[in-house]
C-alpha atoms as a PDB file:
ATOM      1  CA  UNK A   1      35.631   5.870 -20.749  1.00  0.00           C
ATOM      2  CA  UNK A   2      34.432   5.176 -17.254  1.00  0.00           C
ATOM      3  CA  UNK A   3      31.566   2.737 -17.092  1.00  0.00           C
ATOM      4  CA  UNK A   4      28.449   4.094 -15.453  1.00  0.00           C
ATOM      5  CA  UNK A   5      27.678   2.642 -12.075  1.00  0.00           C
ATOM      6  CA  UNK A   6      24.232   1.268 -11.394  1.00  0.00           C
ATOM      7  CA  UNK A   7      22.920  -0.105  -8.109  1.00  0.00           C
ATOM      8  CA  UNK A   8      23.089  -3.885  -8.048  1.00  0.00           C
ATOM      9  CA  UNK A   9      19.858  -5.720  -7.357  1.00  0.00           C
ATOM     10  CA  UNK A  10      20.173  -8.170  -4.513  1.00  0.00           C
ATOM     11  CA  UNK A  11      17.895 -10.031  -2.158  1.00  0.00           C
ATOM     12  CA  UNK A  12      19.040  -9.663   1.421  1.00  0.00           C
ATOM     13  CA  UNK A  13      18.296 -13.032   2.984  1.00  0.00           C
ATOM     14  CA  UNK A  14      19.820 -15.030   5.799  1.00  0.00           C
ATOM     15  CA  UNK A  15      22.562 -17.466   4.818  1.00  0.00           C
ATOM     16  CA  UNK A  16      21.911 -19.581   7.896  1.00  0.00           C
ATOM     17  CA  UNK A  17      18.371 -20.614   8.823  1.00  0.00           C
ATOM     18  CA  UNK A  18      19.136 -22.382  12.070  1.00  0.00           C
ATOM     19  CA  UNK A  19      16.796 -21.656  14.965  1.00  0.00           C
ATOM     20  CA  UNK A  20      19.382 -19.492  16.699  1.00  0.00           C
ATOM     21  CA  UNK A  21      20.015 -17.476  13.521  1.00  0.00           C
ATOM     22  CA  UNK A  22      16.286 -16.856  13.169  1.00  0.00           C
ATOM     23  CA  UNK A  23      16.092 -15.669  16.772  1.00  0.00           C
ATOM     24  CA  UNK A  24      19.117 -13.413  16.232  1.00  0.00           C
ATOM     25  CA  UNK A  25      17.334 -11.951  13.201  1.00  0.00           C
ATOM     26  CA  UNK A  26      14.327 -11.064  15.345  1.00  0.00           C
ATOM     27  CA  UNK A  27      16.655  -9.358  17.821  1.00  0.00           C
ATOM     28  CA  UNK A  28      18.292  -7.455  14.958  1.00  0.00           C
ATOM     29  CA  UNK A  29      14.897  -6.201  13.721  1.00  0.00           C
ATOM     30  CA  UNK A  30      14.076  -5.051  17.259  1.00  0.00           C
ATOM     31  CA  UNK A  31      17.344  -3.104  17.404  1.00  0.00           C
ATOM     32  CA  UNK A  32      16.708  -1.511  14.005  1.00  0.00           C
ATOM     33  CA  UNK A  33      13.206  -0.415  15.033  1.00  0.00           C
ATOM     34  CA  UNK A  34      14.276   0.585  18.523  1.00  0.00           C
ATOM     35  CA  UNK A  35      11.671  -1.441  20.386  1.00  0.00           C
ATOM     36  CA  UNK A  36      11.197  -4.855  21.936  1.00  0.00           C
ATOM     37  CA  UNK A  37       7.671  -5.460  20.620  1.00  0.00           C
ATOM     38  CA  UNK A  38       7.335  -6.643  17.023  1.00  0.00           C
ATOM     39  CA  UNK A  39       4.454  -7.403  14.682  1.00  0.00           C
ATOM     40  CA  UNK A  40       4.185  -9.724  11.717  1.00  0.00           C
ATOM     41  CA  UNK A  41       4.437  -6.713   9.421  1.00  0.00           C
ATOM     42  CA  UNK A  42       7.706  -5.737  11.124  1.00  0.00           C
ATOM     43  CA  UNK A  43       9.137  -9.135  10.243  1.00  0.00           C
ATOM     44  CA  UNK A  44       7.877  -9.032   6.650  1.00  0.00           C
ATOM     45  CA  UNK A  45       9.008  -5.449   6.038  1.00  0.00           C
ATOM     46  CA  UNK A  46      12.374  -5.430   7.824  1.00  0.00           C
ATOM     47  CA  UNK A  47      13.405  -9.043   8.183  1.00  0.00           C
ATOM     48  CA  UNK A  48      15.738 -11.252   6.167  1.00  0.00           C
ATOM     49  CA  UNK A  49      13.396 -14.181   6.750  1.00  0.00           C
ATOM     50  CA  UNK A  50       9.638 -14.550   6.365  1.00  0.00           C
ATOM     51  CA  UNK A  51       6.865 -15.182   8.854  1.00  0.00           C
ATOM     52  CA  UNK A  52       6.123 -18.629   7.415  1.00  0.00           C
ATOM     53  CA  UNK A  53       9.477 -20.083   8.426  1.00  0.00           C
ATOM     54  CA  UNK A  54       9.051 -18.713  11.939  1.00  0.00           C
ATOM     55  CA  UNK A  55       5.649 -20.345  12.100  1.00  0.00           C
ATOM     56  CA  UNK A  56       7.046 -23.693  10.950  1.00  0.00           C
ATOM     57  CA  UNK A  57       9.970 -23.611  13.373  1.00  0.00           C
ATOM     58  CA  UNK A  58       8.383 -22.119  16.460  1.00  0.00           C
ATOM     59  CA  UNK A  59       4.632 -22.497  15.933  1.00  0.00           C
ATOM     60  CA  UNK A  60       3.964 -18.788  15.473  1.00  0.00           C
ATOM     61  CA  UNK A  61       5.355 -15.305  15.901  1.00  0.00           C
ATOM     62  CA  UNK A  62       4.520 -15.056  19.591  1.00  0.00           C
ATOM     63  CA  UNK A  63       6.475 -18.227  20.402  1.00  0.00           C
ATOM     64  CA  UNK A  64       9.439 -17.122  18.286  1.00  0.00           C
ATOM     65  CA  UNK A  65       9.556 -13.683  19.894  1.00  0.00           C
ATOM     66  CA  UNK A  66       9.326 -15.200  23.362  1.00  0.00           C
ATOM     67  CA  UNK A  67      12.254 -17.503  22.554  1.00  0.00           C
ATOM     68  CA  UNK A  68      14.211 -14.455  21.380  1.00  0.00           C
ATOM     69  CA  UNK A  69      13.501 -12.583  24.605  1.00  0.00           C
ATOM     70  CA  UNK A  70      11.148 -10.184  22.836  1.00  0.00           C
ATOM     71  CA  UNK A  71       7.407  -9.569  22.870  1.00  0.00           C
ATOM     72  CA  UNK A  72       4.663  -9.430  20.278  1.00  0.00           C
ATOM     73  CA  UNK A  73       2.416  -6.422  20.092  1.00  0.00           C
ATOM     74  CA  UNK A  74      -0.835  -7.746  21.480  1.00  0.00           C
ATOM     75  CA  UNK A  75      -3.071  -5.882  19.047  1.00  0.00           C
ATOM     76  CA  UNK A  76      -6.166  -7.073  17.253  1.00  0.00           C
ATOM     77  CA  UNK A  77      -5.988 -10.520  18.856  1.00  0.00           C
ATOM     78  CA  UNK A  78      -9.632 -10.635  19.929  1.00  0.00           C
ATOM     79  CA  UNK A  79     -11.280  -9.118  16.887  1.00  0.00           C
ATOM     80  CA  UNK A  80     -14.451 -11.060  15.983  1.00  0.00           C
ATOM     81  CA  UNK A  81     -14.249 -13.005  12.730  1.00  0.00           C
ATOM     82  CA  UNK A  82     -17.199 -11.115  11.286  1.00  0.00           C
ATOM     83  CA  UNK A  83     -15.449  -7.787  11.821  1.00  0.00           C
ATOM     84  CA  UNK A  84     -12.291  -9.090  10.139  1.00  0.00           C
ATOM     85  CA  UNK A  85     -14.324 -10.329   7.181  1.00  0.00           C
ATOM     86  CA  UNK A  86     -16.153  -7.016   6.816  1.00  0.00           C
ATOM     87  CA  UNK A  87     -12.828  -5.195   6.632  1.00  0.00           C
ATOM     88  CA  UNK A  88     -11.440  -7.741   4.172  1.00  0.00           C
ATOM     89  CA  UNK A  89     -14.570  -7.224   2.060  1.00  0.00           C
ATOM     90  CA  UNK A  90     -13.910  -3.474   1.980  1.00  0.00           C
ATOM     91  CA  UNK A  91     -10.294  -4.008   0.939  1.00  0.00           C
ATOM     92  CA  UNK A  92     -11.291  -6.597  -1.695  1.00  0.00           C
ATOM     93  CA  UNK A  93     -13.753  -4.127  -3.222  1.00  0.00           C
ATOM     94  CA  UNK A  94     -11.024  -1.495  -3.455  1.00  0.00           C
ATOM     95  CA  UNK A  95      -8.452  -3.859  -4.960  1.00  0.00           C
ATOM     96  CA  UNK A  96     -10.909  -5.345  -7.444  1.00  0.00           C
ATOM     97  CA  UNK A  97     -12.131  -1.906  -8.493  1.00  0.00           C
ATOM     98  CA  UNK A  98      -8.662  -0.390  -8.934  1.00  0.00           C
ATOM     99  CA  UNK A  99      -6.572  -3.399  -9.959  1.00  0.00           C
ATOM    100  CA  UNK A 100      -9.014  -6.083 -11.124  1.00  0.00           C
ATOM    101  CA  UNK A 101      -7.726  -8.889  -8.922  1.00  0.00           C
ATOM    102  CA  UNK A 102      -8.194 -10.475  -5.533  1.00  0.00           C
ATOM    103  CA  UNK A 103      -6.369  -8.850  -2.615  1.00  0.00           C
ATOM    104  CA  UNK A 104      -2.928  -9.919  -1.397  1.00  0.00           C
ATOM    105  CA  UNK A 105      -1.994  -9.576   2.251  1.00  0.00           C
ATOM    106  CA  UNK A 106       0.259  -6.653   1.288  1.00  0.00           C
ATOM    107  CA  UNK A 107      -2.879  -4.763   0.200  1.00  0.00           C
ATOM    108  CA  UNK A 108      -3.888  -4.431   3.835  1.00  0.00           C
ATOM    109  CA  UNK A 109      -1.109  -1.893   4.219  1.00  0.00           C
ATOM    110  CA  UNK A 110      -1.472  -0.464   0.726  1.00  0.00           C
ATOM    111  CA  UNK A 111      -5.182   0.310   1.191  1.00  0.00           C
ATOM    112  CA  UNK A 112      -4.909   1.302   4.870  1.00  0.00           C
ATOM    113  CA  UNK A 113      -6.828  -1.599   6.407  1.00  0.00           C
ATOM    114  CA  UNK A 114      -7.832  -1.435  10.031  1.00  0.00           C
ATOM    115  CA  UNK A 115      -6.156  -4.761  10.769  1.00  0.00           C
ATOM    116  CA  UNK A 116      -2.815  -6.334   9.871  1.00  0.00           C
ATOM    117  CA  UNK A 117      -2.508  -9.788   8.380  1.00  0.00           C
ATOM    118  CA  UNK A 118      -1.867 -11.315  11.817  1.00  0.00           C
ATOM    119  CA  UNK A 119      -5.510 -11.806  12.908  1.00  0.00           C
ATOM    120  CA  UNK A 120      -6.350 -13.346   9.530  1.00  0.00           C
ATOM    121  CA  UNK A 121      -3.531 -15.875   9.834  1.00  0.00           C
ATOM    122  CA  UNK A 122      -4.492 -16.670  13.428  1.00  0.00           C
ATOM    123  CA  UNK A 123      -8.147 -17.275  12.581  1.00  0.00           C
ATOM    124  CA  UNK A 124      -7.794 -19.047   9.229  1.00  0.00           C
ATOM    125  CA  UNK A 125      -4.189 -20.255   9.014  1.00  0.00           C
ATOM    126  CA  UNK A 126      -3.386 -18.603   5.683  1.00  0.00           C
ATOM    127  CA  UNK A 127      -4.331 -15.591   3.602  1.00  0.00           C
ATOM    128  CA  UNK A 128      -6.016 -17.593   0.847  1.00  0.00           C
ATOM    129  CA  UNK A 129      -8.185 -19.409   3.403  1.00  0.00           C
ATOM    130  CA  UNK A 130      -9.273 -16.047   4.810  1.00  0.00           C
ATOM    131  CA  UNK A 131     -10.296 -14.980   1.290  1.00  0.00           C
ATOM    132  CA  UNK A 132     -12.208 -18.237   0.824  1.00  0.00           C
ATOM    133  CA  UNK A 133     -13.941 -17.674   4.166  1.00  0.00           C
ATOM    134  CA  UNK A 134     -15.047 -14.248   2.988  1.00  0.00           C
ATOM    135  CA  UNK A 135     -16.502 -15.634  -0.239  1.00  0.00           C
ATOM    136  CA  UNK A 136     -18.487 -18.187   1.734  1.00  0.00           C
ATOM    137  CA  UNK A 137     -19.573 -15.632   4.337  1.00  0.00           C
ATOM    138  CA  UNK A 138     -20.639 -13.148   1.650  1.00  0.00           C
ATOM    139  CA  UNK A 139     -23.224 -15.586   0.365  1.00  0.00           C
ATOM    140  CA  UNK A 140     -21.633 -17.156  -2.673  1.00  0.00           C
ATOM    141  CA  UNK A 141     -23.369 -20.382  -1.719  1.00  0.00           C
ATOM    142  CA  UNK A 142     -26.438 -19.080   0.097  1.00  0.00           C
ATOM    143  CA  UNK A 143     -28.251 -16.154  -1.457  1.00  0.00           C
ATOM    144  CA  UNK A 144     -31.760 -15.176  -0.430  1.00  0.00           C
ATOM    145  CA  UNK A 145     -34.305 -14.685  -3.211  1.00  0.00           C
ATOM    146  CA  UNK A 146     -34.308 -11.058  -4.178  1.00  0.00           C
ATOM    147  CA  UNK A 147     -36.998  -9.080  -5.928  1.00  0.00           C
ATOM    148  CA  UNK A 148     -39.744 -11.685  -5.750  1.00  0.00           C
ATOM    149  CA  UNK A 149     -43.254 -10.502  -4.856  1.00  0.00           C
ATOM    150  CA  UNK A 150     -44.017 -11.127  -1.207  1.00  0.00           C
ATOM    151  CA  UNK A 151     -47.328 -12.880  -0.720  1.00  0.00           C
ATOM    152  CA  UNK A 152     -48.141 -12.805   2.996  1.00  0.00           C
ATOM    153  CA  UNK A 153     -51.543 -14.409   2.889  1.00  0.00           C
ATOM    154  CA  UNK A 154     -53.371 -11.156   3.565  1.00  0.00           C
ATOM    155  CA  UNK A 155     -54.301 -10.754  -0.105  1.00  0.00           C
ATOM    156  CA  UNK A 156     -51.945  -7.829  -0.570  1.00  0.00           C
ATOM    157  CA  UNK A 157     -49.202  -7.757  -3.163  1.00  0.00           C
ATOM    158  CA  UNK A 158     -46.114  -6.104  -1.768  1.00  0.00           C
ATOM    159  CA  UNK A 159     -43.637  -4.087  -3.787  1.00  0.00           C
ATOM    160  CA  UNK A 160     -40.661  -6.211  -4.914  1.00  0.00           C
ATOM    161  CA  UNK A 161     -37.350  -5.516  -3.257  1.00  0.00           C
ATOM    162  CA  UNK A 162     -34.974  -3.207  -5.039  1.00  0.00           C
ATOM    163  CA  UNK A 163     -32.553  -5.045  -7.270  1.00  0.00           C
ATOM    164  CA  UNK A 164     -29.124  -5.236  -5.669  1.00  0.00           C
ATOM    165  CA  UNK A 165     -25.795  -5.485  -7.485  1.00  0.00           C
ATOM    166  CA  UNK A 166     -23.874  -8.740  -7.324  1.00  0.00           C
ATOM    167  CA  UNK A 167     -21.112  -8.220  -4.711  1.00  0.00           C
ATOM    168  CA  UNK A 168     -17.687  -7.750  -6.250  1.00  0.00           C
ATOM    169  CA  UNK A 169     -16.281 -10.759  -4.407  1.00  0.00           C
ATOM    170  CA  UNK A 170     -19.064 -12.962  -5.758  1.00  0.00           C
ATOM    171  CA  UNK A 171     -18.505 -11.664  -9.287  1.00  0.00           C
ATOM    172  CA  UNK A 172     -14.799 -12.344  -9.003  1.00  0.00           C
ATOM    173  CA  UNK A 173     -15.377 -15.942  -7.861  1.00  0.00           C
ATOM    174  CA  UNK A 174     -17.710 -16.625 -10.798  1.00  0.00           C
ATOM    175  CA  UNK A 175     -15.376 -14.989 -13.333  1.00  0.00           C
ATOM    176  CA  UNK A 176     -12.556 -17.202 -12.082  1.00  0.00           C
ATOM    177  CA  UNK A 177     -14.739 -20.283 -12.196  1.00  0.00           C
ATOM    178  CA  UNK A 178     -15.794 -19.555 -15.793  1.00  0.00           C
ATOM    179  CA  UNK A 179     -12.244 -18.478 -16.762  1.00  0.00           C
ATOM    180  CA  UNK A 180     -13.493 -15.039 -17.856  1.00  0.00           C
ATOM    181  CA  UNK A 181     -15.193 -16.783 -20.799  1.00  0.00           C
ATOM    182  CA  UNK A 182     -18.729 -16.004 -21.954  1.00  0.00           C
ATOM    183  CA  UNK A 183     -20.893 -19.026 -21.325  1.00  0.00           C
ATOM    184  CA  UNK A 184     -23.001 -18.332 -24.440  1.00  0.00           C
ATOM    185  CA  UNK A 185     -20.590 -17.342 -27.205  1.00  0.00           C
ATOM    186  CA  UNK A 186     -17.374 -18.808 -25.798  1.00  0.00           C
ATOM    187  CA  UNK A 187     -15.351 -15.613 -26.247  1.00  0.00           C
ATOM    188  CA  UNK A 188     -13.004 -14.115 -23.671  1.00  0.00           C
ATOM    189  CA  UNK A 189     -11.176 -10.770 -23.348  1.00  0.00           C
ATOM    190  CA  UNK A 190      -7.810 -12.511 -23.775  1.00  0.00           C
ATOM    191  CA  UNK A 191      -8.796 -13.813 -27.229  1.00  0.00           C
ATOM    192  CA  UNK A 192     -11.080 -10.927 -28.192  1.00  0.00           C
ATOM    193  CA  UNK A 193      -9.520  -7.567 -27.241  1.00  0.00           C
ATOM    194  CA  UNK A 194     -12.101  -5.031 -26.119  1.00  0.00           C
ATOM    195  CA  UNK A 195     -14.649  -7.676 -25.133  1.00  0.00           C
ATOM    196  CA  UNK A 196     -16.357  -6.894 -21.825  1.00  0.00           C
ATOM    197  CA  UNK A 197     -17.589  -9.752 -19.651  1.00  0.00           C
ATOM    198  CA  UNK A 198     -19.545  -9.658 -16.419  1.00  0.00           C
ATOM    199  CA  UNK A 199     -21.598 -11.922 -14.186  1.00  0.00           C
ATOM    200  CA  UNK A 200     -25.282 -12.497 -14.909  1.00  0.00           C
ATOM    201  CA  UNK A 201     -28.179 -14.266 -13.195  1.00  0.00           C
ATOM    202  CA  UNK A 202     -29.509 -17.304 -15.066  1.00  0.00           C
ATOM    203  CA  UNK A 203     -32.836 -17.009 -13.240  1.00  0.00           C
ATOM    204  CA  UNK A 204     -33.421 -13.290 -12.756  1.00  0.00           C
ATOM    205  CA  UNK A 205     -33.827 -11.776  -9.313  1.00  0.00           C
ATOM    206  CA  UNK A 206     -37.365 -10.700 -10.213  1.00  0.00           C
ATOM    207  CA  UNK A 207     -38.247 -14.382 -10.618  1.00  0.00           C
ATOM    208  CA  UNK A 208     -36.582 -15.467  -7.383  1.00  0.00           C
ATOM    209  CA  UNK A 209     -33.022 -15.939  -8.610  1.00  0.00           C
ATOM    210  CA  UNK A 210     -30.365 -16.056  -5.902  1.00  0.00           C
ATOM    211  CA  UNK A 211     -26.626 -15.502  -5.561  1.00  0.00           C
ATOM    212  CA  UNK A 212     -26.011 -19.236  -5.508  1.00  0.00           C
ATOM    213  CA  UNK A 213     -23.123 -19.930  -7.928  1.00  0.00           C
ATOM    214  CA  UNK A 214     -25.256 -22.384  -9.921  1.00  0.00           C
ATOM    215  CA  UNK A 215     -27.493 -19.415 -10.780  1.00  0.00           C
ATOM    216  CA  UNK A 216     -24.632 -17.171 -11.908  1.00  0.00           C
ATOM    217  CA  UNK A 217     -22.553 -17.247 -15.080  1.00  0.00           C
ATOM    218  CA  UNK A 218     -20.086 -15.175 -17.031  1.00  0.00           C
ATOM    219  CA  UNK A 219     -21.608 -13.441 -20.060  1.00  0.00           C
ATOM    220  CA  UNK A 220     -20.212 -10.997 -22.564  1.00  0.00           C
ATOM    221  CA  UNK A 221     -21.928  -7.632 -22.660  1.00  0.00           C
ATOM    222  CA  UNK A 222     -23.328  -8.373 -26.133  1.00  0.00           C
ATOM    223  CA  UNK A 223     -24.762 -11.734 -25.103  1.00  0.00           C
ATOM    224  CA  UNK A 224     -26.237 -10.223 -21.963  1.00  0.00           C
ATOM    225  CA  UNK A 225     -28.015  -7.537 -24.018  1.00  0.00           C
ATOM    226  CA  UNK A 226     -29.160 -10.170 -26.494  1.00  0.00           C
ATOM    227  CA  UNK A 227     -30.511 -12.285 -23.675  1.00  0.00           C
ATOM    228  CA  UNK A 228     -32.609  -9.322 -22.498  1.00  0.00           C
ATOM    229  CA  UNK A 229     -33.981  -8.752 -25.996  1.00  0.00           C
ATOM    230  CA  UNK A 230     -35.007 -12.416 -26.299  1.00  0.00           C
ATOM    231  CA  UNK A 231     -36.653 -12.290 -22.889  1.00  0.00           C
ATOM    232  CA  UNK A 232     -38.823  -9.420 -24.045  1.00  0.00           C
END
């Protein structure tokens, strides 16, 4: 009986990582794509080496491409940091909503981001540092009081601000910090199947509570409801 043939899994990587071999690989990618301008995504998607080794050897993709006689697509090089962070925030929301995790740089393509990973690496040096920059920029460590009555000195009591949801990126940071474990009952979804945990204000927004991490904690849904009953 003839044995069935199955495709063999293999990882197509360079056997020689000398500088000249790396430059030849860039030239090969250019030939495959039929152009002389390459992006970081081109290297990651079609190359037999990764961007990181090019960065270590040549200082960056632009320098490596120049050494190979090629050019880098000069796109998104002057995007303001704030604009990059806003787009990363949008992608993080999508990834967290659909997959319950922080975004990977590959999610930029998966969720049709406006920018490639290149500008993030250029501004922050690594993907994880870009994510950390977003958490800081979003206000994990500097939230304004929300919902407190506004006394202006004119004797009038103003309507409190509308309660706003805790941003997904902030929630994710707190859940990681607390290891997805309720800070009241000590249970977690991994040990208690079906348990739902979320992030809660220790001092409520109506009493001036902020998005500072010291004022946020992971609570199970039951403990959060119980907390509200006790408060009443």
